[in-house]
Amino acid sequence: MSPALETVLAKAGLQVTPDEFLSLVADAAKKLAPPHPDPVSYFTPDQQEALTDVGLDLTPARPEDAKPRTRTVVAHAVLRDSALTVAEAARQLQVDTSRIRHRLGVGRLVGWKDKGSWRLPAWQFAGGGVLPGLETVLSAVPADQPALVVAAFMTTAQEDLLVDGKPATPREWLLAGGDPRKVADLAAMLGTPV
């Protein structure tokens, strides 16, 4: 196995061997859309017409379009591998596992089911607690947004969130003591066409 991959995984803080990581990537690739989907096949003729009328391109993907898909597969694998189990989250927050499940159920933590077990993305934890203002932010996230979209939002610099004069990620903003309502306003727009 490539020593370079081992180095990248170690620098990223991922507790996984290169073989395990590549297995996760392959597994995520199988779960995502086919490599060269034909978007037209997903819609009725009326839907196709409406979508093309508003400017959407429904032509099949080309092999050179694969990089965004590859980035998504890798991001999904990293998100999954860095996520905490219910037991790990409970240990970190020093609470019983039932409290973690309750917080998931009422939207005070975010997670997804993977092979029957909850996985909680690491971005929402800080030190021995949760990210400051997390509940305010999560209450604003539209229910139809998947964990990968929310994770990408929380870890991508936003022009509207400045820390020391530079765009910061929502996570950095909250850790710096920024107003969680400002992040919640941005989060409420997830999935909304620009």
C-alpha atoms as a PDB file:
ATOM      1  CA  MET A   1       0.000   0.000   0.000  1.00  0.00           C
ATOM      2  CA  SER A   2       1.122   3.507  -0.740  1.00  0.00           C
ATOM      3  CA  PRO A   3       3.065   5.212   2.066  1.00  0.00           C
ATOM      4  CA  ALA A   4       1.687   8.516   0.736  1.00  0.00           C
ATOM      5  CA  LEU A   5      -1.889   7.400   1.478  1.00  0.00           C
ATOM      6  CA  GLU A   6      -0.852   6.323   4.976  1.00  0.00           C
ATOM      7  CA  THR A   7       0.677   9.773   5.525  1.00  0.00           C
ATOM      8  CA  VAL A   8      -2.444  11.587   4.266  1.00  0.00           C
ATOM      9  CA  LEU A   9      -4.720   9.470   6.486  1.00  0.00           C
ATOM     10  CA  ALA A  10      -2.501  10.074   9.530  1.00  0.00           C
ATOM     11  CA  LYS A  11      -2.326  13.858   8.904  1.00  0.00           C
ATOM     12  CA  ALA A  12      -6.110  13.942   8.559  1.00  0.00           C
ATOM     13  CA  GLY A  13      -6.432  12.170  11.904  1.00  0.00           C
ATOM     14  CA  LEU A  14      -8.353   9.245  10.426  1.00  0.00           C
ATOM     15  CA  GLN A  15      -7.980   6.080  12.452  1.00  0.00           C
ATOM     16  CA  VAL A  16      -8.094   3.706   9.500  1.00  0.00           C
ATOM     17  CA  THR A  17      -5.622   1.664   7.465  1.00  0.00           C
ATOM     18  CA  PRO A  18      -5.211   2.456   3.760  1.00  0.00           C
ATOM     19  CA  ASP A  19      -6.945  -0.832   2.875  1.00  0.00           C
ATOM     20  CA  GLU A  20      -9.895   0.000   5.147  1.00  0.00           C
ATOM     21  CA  PHE A  21     -10.104   3.506   3.670  1.00  0.00           C
ATOM     22  CA  LEU A  22     -10.103   2.201   0.105  1.00  0.00           C
ATOM     23  CA  SER A  23     -12.767  -0.314   1.089  1.00  0.00           C
ATOM     24  CA  LEU A  24     -14.891   2.534   2.475  1.00  0.00           C
ATOM     25  CA  VAL A  25     -14.418   4.495  -0.737  1.00  0.00           C
ATOM     26  CA  ALA A  26     -15.442   1.479  -2.837  1.00  0.00           C
ATOM     27  CA  ASP A  27     -18.477   0.897  -0.602  1.00  0.00           C
ATOM     28  CA  ALA A  28     -19.554   4.554  -0.861  1.00  0.00           C
ATOM     29  CA  ALA A  29     -19.100   4.459  -4.647  1.00  0.00           C
ATOM     30  CA  LYS A  30     -21.460   1.502  -4.904  1.00  0.00           C
ATOM     31  CA  LYS A  31     -24.114   3.357  -2.894  1.00  0.00           C
ATOM     32  CA  LEU A  32     -24.019   6.499  -5.011  1.00  0.00           C
ATOM     33  CA  ALA A  33     -25.593   7.012  -8.415  1.00  0.00           C
ATOM     34  CA  PRO A  34     -24.272   5.022 -11.356  1.00  0.00           C
ATOM     35  CA  PRO A  35     -21.043   6.422 -12.828  1.00  0.00           C
ATOM     36  CA  HIS A  36     -22.647   7.766 -16.022  1.00  0.00           C
ATOM     37  CA  PRO A  37     -26.321   8.312 -15.262  1.00  0.00           C
ATOM     38  CA  ASP A  38     -28.766   9.461 -17.893  1.00  0.00           C
ATOM     39  CA  PRO A  39     -30.802  12.125 -16.039  1.00  0.00           C
ATOM     40  CA  VAL A  40     -33.607  11.963 -18.601  1.00  0.00           C
ATOM     41  CA  SER A  41     -34.476   8.442 -17.453  1.00  0.00           C
ATOM     42  CA  TYR A  42     -35.431   9.732 -13.982  1.00  0.00           C
ATOM     43  CA  PHE A  43     -38.165  12.093 -15.215  1.00  0.00           C
ATOM     44  CA  THR A  44     -41.449  11.951 -17.100  1.00  0.00           C
ATOM     45  CA  PRO A  45     -41.610  13.830 -20.437  1.00  0.00           C
ATOM     46  CA  ASP A  46     -43.527  16.694 -18.755  1.00  0.00           C
ATOM     47  CA  GLN A  47     -40.926  16.946 -15.989  1.00  0.00           C
ATOM     48  CA  GLN A  48     -38.113  16.861 -18.577  1.00  0.00           C
ATOM     49  CA  GLU A  49     -39.699  19.740 -20.463  1.00  0.00           C
ATOM     50  CA  ALA A  50     -40.189  21.805 -17.299  1.00  0.00           C
ATOM     51  CA  LEU A  51     -36.597  21.216 -16.194  1.00  0.00           C
ATOM     52  CA  THR A  52     -35.078  22.090 -19.554  1.00  0.00           C
ATOM     53  CA  ASP A  53     -37.303  25.191 -19.746  1.00  0.00           C
ATOM     54  CA  VAL A  54     -35.644  26.540 -16.585  1.00  0.00           C
ATOM     55  CA  GLY A  55     -32.183  25.863 -17.987  1.00  0.00           C
ATOM     56  CA  LEU A  56     -31.177  22.482 -16.548  1.00  0.00           C
ATOM     57  CA  ASP A  57     -28.942  20.299 -18.693  1.00  0.00           C
ATOM     58  CA  LEU A  58     -30.317  16.759 -18.817  1.00  0.00           C
ATOM     59  CA  THR A  59     -27.648  15.307 -21.091  1.00  0.00           C
ATOM     60  CA  PRO A  60     -25.912  12.148 -19.814  1.00  0.00           C
ATOM     61  CA  ALA A  61     -22.750  12.564 -17.782  1.00  0.00           C
ATOM     62  CA  ARG A  62     -19.479  12.207 -19.655  1.00  0.00           C
ATOM     63  CA  PRO A  63     -16.395  10.346 -18.375  1.00  0.00           C
ATOM     64  CA  GLU A  64     -14.624  13.677 -17.835  1.00  0.00           C
ATOM     65  CA  ASP A  65     -17.418  14.652 -15.402  1.00  0.00           C
ATOM     66  CA  ALA A  66     -16.292  11.957 -12.924  1.00  0.00           C
ATOM     67  CA  LYS A  67     -14.130  14.171 -10.672  1.00  0.00           C
ATOM     68  CA  PRO A  68     -17.042  15.743  -8.743  1.00  0.00           C
ATOM     69  CA  ARG A  69     -18.435  12.240  -8.184  1.00  0.00           C
ATOM     70  CA  THR A  70     -15.030  11.037  -6.988  1.00  0.00           C
ATOM     71  CA  ARG A  71     -14.756  13.984  -4.595  1.00  0.00           C
ATOM     72  CA  THR A  72     -18.222  13.164  -3.239  1.00  0.00           C
ATOM     73  CA  VAL A  73     -17.325   9.510  -2.705  1.00  0.00           C
ATOM     74  CA  VAL A  74     -14.137  10.449  -0.861  1.00  0.00           C
ATOM     75  CA  ALA A  75     -15.929  13.104   1.229  1.00  0.00           C
ATOM     76  CA  HIS A  76     -18.604  10.579   2.140  1.00  0.00           C
ATOM     77  CA  ALA A  77     -15.994   7.997   3.154  1.00  0.00           C
ATOM     78  CA  VAL A  78     -14.133  10.540   5.308  1.00  0.00           C
ATOM     79  CA  LEU A  79     -17.391  11.732   6.909  1.00  0.00           C
ATOM     80  CA  ARG A  80     -18.357   8.145   7.729  1.00  0.00           C
ATOM     81  CA  ASP A  81     -14.930   7.190   9.049  1.00  0.00           C
ATOM     82  CA  SER A  82     -14.547  10.258  11.247  1.00  0.00           C
ATOM     83  CA  ALA A  83     -18.084   9.964  12.680  1.00  0.00           C
ATOM     84  CA  LEU A  84     -18.653   8.815  16.233  1.00  0.00           C
ATOM     85  CA  THR A  85     -20.773   5.916  17.357  1.00  0.00           C
ATOM     86  CA  VAL A  86     -23.451   6.508  19.983  1.00  0.00           C
ATOM     87  CA  ALA A  87     -21.140   5.001  22.623  1.00  0.00           C
ATOM     88  CA  GLU A  88     -18.219   7.237  21.594  1.00  0.00           C
ATOM     89  CA  ALA A  89     -20.424  10.340  21.651  1.00  0.00           C
ATOM     90  CA  ALA A  90     -21.779   9.366  25.068  1.00  0.00           C
ATOM     91  CA  ARG A  91     -18.233   8.965  26.425  1.00  0.00           C
ATOM     92  CA  GLN A  92     -17.189  12.326  24.982  1.00  0.00           C
ATOM     93  CA  LEU A  93     -20.208  14.119  26.465  1.00  0.00           C
ATOM     94  CA  GLN A  94     -20.082  12.039  29.660  1.00  0.00           C
ATOM     95  CA  VAL A  95     -23.718  11.000  29.377  1.00  0.00           C
ATOM     96  CA  ASP A  96     -25.593   7.736  28.974  1.00  0.00           C
ATOM     97  CA  THR A  97     -26.122   6.379  25.442  1.00  0.00           C
ATOM     98  CA  SER A  98     -29.875   6.870  25.876  1.00  0.00           C
ATOM     99  CA  ARG A  99     -29.269  10.644  26.163  1.00  0.00           C
ATOM    100  CA  ILE A 100     -27.435  10.605  22.818  1.00  0.00           C
ATOM    101  CA  ARG A 101     -30.310   8.737  21.151  1.00  0.00           C
ATOM    102  CA  HIS A 102     -32.775  11.193  22.694  1.00  0.00           C
ATOM    103  CA  ARG A 103     -30.784  14.182  21.368  1.00  0.00           C
ATOM    104  CA  LEU A 104     -30.753  12.580  17.920  1.00  0.00           C
ATOM    105  CA  GLY A 105     -34.504  12.044  18.102  1.00  0.00           C
ATOM    106  CA  VAL A 106     -35.283  15.651  18.980  1.00  0.00           C
ATOM    107  CA  GLY A 107     -32.768  17.201  16.576  1.00  0.00           C
ATOM    108  CA  ARG A 108     -30.234  18.379  19.143  1.00  0.00           C
ATOM    109  CA  LEU A 109     -27.581  16.220  17.459  1.00  0.00           C
ATOM    110  CA  VAL A 110     -27.375  15.142  13.833  1.00  0.00           C
ATOM    111  CA  GLY A 111     -26.558  11.670  12.583  1.00  0.00           C
ATOM    112  CA  TRP A 112     -27.521   8.896  10.217  1.00  0.00           C
ATOM    113  CA  LYS A 113     -28.075   5.155  10.398  1.00  0.00           C
ATOM    114  CA  ASP A 114     -25.290   3.003   8.967  1.00  0.00           C
ATOM    115  CA  LYS A 115     -25.814  -0.753   9.003  1.00  0.00           C
ATOM    116  CA  GLY A 116     -28.387  -0.352  11.765  1.00  0.00           C
ATOM    117  CA  SER A 117     -26.246   1.835  14.046  1.00  0.00           C
ATOM    118  CA  TRP A 118     -26.200   5.595  14.476  1.00  0.00           C
ATOM    119  CA  ARG A 119     -23.190   7.564  13.254  1.00  0.00           C
ATOM    120  CA  LEU A 120     -22.690  11.152  14.463  1.00  0.00           C
ATOM    121  CA  PRO A 121     -20.458  13.480  12.408  1.00  0.00           C
ATOM    122  CA  ALA A 122     -17.468  14.734  14.394  1.00  0.00           C
ATOM    123  CA  TRP A 123     -17.832  18.384  13.315  1.00  0.00           C
ATOM    124  CA  GLN A 124     -20.644  18.903  15.843  1.00  0.00           C
ATOM    125  CA  PHE A 125     -18.438  18.106  18.861  1.00  0.00           C
ATOM    126  CA  ALA A 126     -15.896  20.370  20.535  1.00  0.00           C
ATOM    127  CA  GLY A 127     -13.742  19.322  23.458  1.00  0.00           C
ATOM    128  CA  GLY A 128     -15.921  17.569  26.017  1.00  0.00           C
ATOM    129  CA  GLY A 129     -19.169  19.014  24.686  1.00  0.00           C
ATOM    130  CA  VAL A 130     -21.075  19.970  21.594  1.00  0.00           C
ATOM    131  CA  LEU A 131     -20.315  22.899  19.341  1.00  0.00           C
ATOM    132  CA  PRO A 132     -21.583  26.140  20.925  1.00  0.00           C
ATOM    133  CA  GLY A 133     -24.935  27.137  19.402  1.00  0.00           C
ATOM    134  CA  LEU A 134     -25.387  23.721  17.754  1.00  0.00           C
ATOM    135  CA  GLU A 135     -29.038  23.399  18.739  1.00  0.00           C
ATOM    136  CA  THR A 136     -29.882  26.791  17.193  1.00  0.00           C
ATOM    137  CA  VAL A 137     -28.135  25.854  13.946  1.00  0.00           C
ATOM    138  CA  LEU A 138     -29.630  22.362  13.685  1.00  0.00           C
ATOM    139  CA  SER A 139     -33.138  23.690  14.251  1.00  0.00           C
ATOM    140  CA  ALA A 140     -32.736  25.810  11.103  1.00  0.00           C
ATOM    141  CA  VAL A 141     -31.371  23.067   8.800  1.00  0.00           C
ATOM    142  CA  PRO A 142     -34.076  21.878   6.376  1.00  0.00           C
ATOM    143  CA  ALA A 143     -35.092  18.296   7.210  1.00  0.00           C
ATOM    144  CA  ASP A 144     -34.373  17.063   3.684  1.00  0.00           C
ATOM    145  CA  GLN A 145     -30.663  17.910   3.799  1.00  0.00           C
ATOM    146  CA  PRO A 146     -28.363  14.875   4.061  1.00  0.00           C
ATOM    147  CA  ALA A 147     -25.525  14.648   6.567  1.00  0.00           C
ATOM    148  CA  LEU A 148     -22.891  15.171   3.860  1.00  0.00           C
ATOM    149  CA  VAL A 149     -24.457  18.488   2.796  1.00  0.00           C
ATOM    150  CA  VAL A 150     -24.691  19.710   6.393  1.00  0.00           C
ATOM    151  CA  ALA A 151     -21.092  18.610   7.083  1.00  0.00           C
ATOM    152  CA  ALA A 152     -19.850  20.364   3.944  1.00  0.00           C
ATOM    153  CA  PHE A 153     -21.671  23.555   4.956  1.00  0.00           C
ATOM    154  CA  MET A 154     -20.348  23.486   8.522  1.00  0.00           C
ATOM    155  CA  THR A 155     -16.752  22.974   7.362  1.00  0.00           C
ATOM    156  CA  THR A 156     -16.641  25.349   4.367  1.00  0.00           C
ATOM    157  CA  ALA A 157     -15.646  28.989   4.766  1.00  0.00           C
ATOM    158  CA  GLN A 158     -18.583  31.366   4.332  1.00  0.00           C
ATOM    159  CA  GLU A 159     -18.143  34.946   3.096  1.00  0.00           C
ATOM    160  CA  ASP A 160     -20.724  36.180   5.638  1.00  0.00           C
ATOM    161  CA  LEU A 161     -18.837  34.779   8.645  1.00  0.00           C
ATOM    162  CA  LEU A 162     -15.652  36.717   9.343  1.00  0.00           C
ATOM    163  CA  VAL A 163     -13.188  35.797  12.071  1.00  0.00           C
ATOM    164  CA  ASP A 164     -10.170  38.097  12.303  1.00  0.00           C
ATOM    165  CA  GLY A 165     -11.244  39.667   9.010  1.00  0.00           C
ATOM    166  CA  LYS A 166     -11.185  36.377   7.068  1.00  0.00           C
ATOM    167  CA  PRO A 167     -14.057  34.138   5.949  1.00  0.00           C
ATOM    168  CA  ALA A 168     -14.527  31.336   8.477  1.00  0.00           C
ATOM    169  CA  THR A 169     -16.368  28.044   8.482  1.00  0.00           C
ATOM    170  CA  PRO A 170     -19.584  27.954  10.527  1.00  0.00           C
ATOM    171  CA  ARG A 171     -17.783  25.630  12.950  1.00  0.00           C
ATOM    172  CA  GLU A 172     -14.892  28.106  13.362  1.00  0.00           C
ATOM    173  CA  TRP A 173     -17.376  30.981  13.739  1.00  0.00           C
ATOM    174  CA  LEU A 174     -19.218  29.211  16.551  1.00  0.00           C
ATOM    175  CA  LEU A 175     -15.986  28.161  18.291  1.00  0.00           C
ATOM    176  CA  ALA A 176     -14.864  31.813  18.165  1.00  0.00           C
ATOM    177  CA  GLY A 177     -18.051  32.853  19.991  1.00  0.00           C
ATOM    178  CA  GLY A 178     -19.982  34.075  16.944  1.00  0.00           C
ATOM    179  CA  ASP A 179     -23.765  34.424  17.035  1.00  0.00           C
ATOM    180  CA  PRO A 180     -25.318  31.044  16.194  1.00  0.00           C
ATOM    181  CA  ARG A 181     -28.364  32.802  14.675  1.00  0.00           C
ATOM    182  CA  LYS A 182     -26.150  34.076  11.859  1.00  0.00           C
ATOM    183  CA  VAL A 183     -25.112  30.484  11.050  1.00  0.00           C
ATOM    184  CA  ALA A 184     -28.723  29.332  11.434  1.00  0.00           C
ATOM    185  CA  ASP A 185     -29.841  31.926   8.869  1.00  0.00           C
ATOM    186  CA  LEU A 186     -27.305  30.555   6.383  1.00  0.00           C
ATOM    187  CA  ALA A 187     -28.155  26.933   7.228  1.00  0.00           C
ATOM    188  CA  ALA A 188     -31.838  27.579   6.619  1.00  0.00           C
ATOM    189  CA  MET A 189     -30.945  28.252   2.966  1.00  0.00           C
ATOM    190  CA  LEU A 190     -29.373  24.801   2.380  1.00  0.00           C
ATOM    191  CA  GLY A 191     -30.954  23.169  -0.627  1.00  0.00           C
ATOM    192  CA  THR A 192     -32.454  26.432  -1.860  1.00  0.00           C
ATOM    193  CA  PRO A 193     -31.553  27.307  -5.456  1.00  0.00           C
ATOM    194  CA  VAL A 194     -29.502  30.473  -5.719  1.00  0.00           C
END
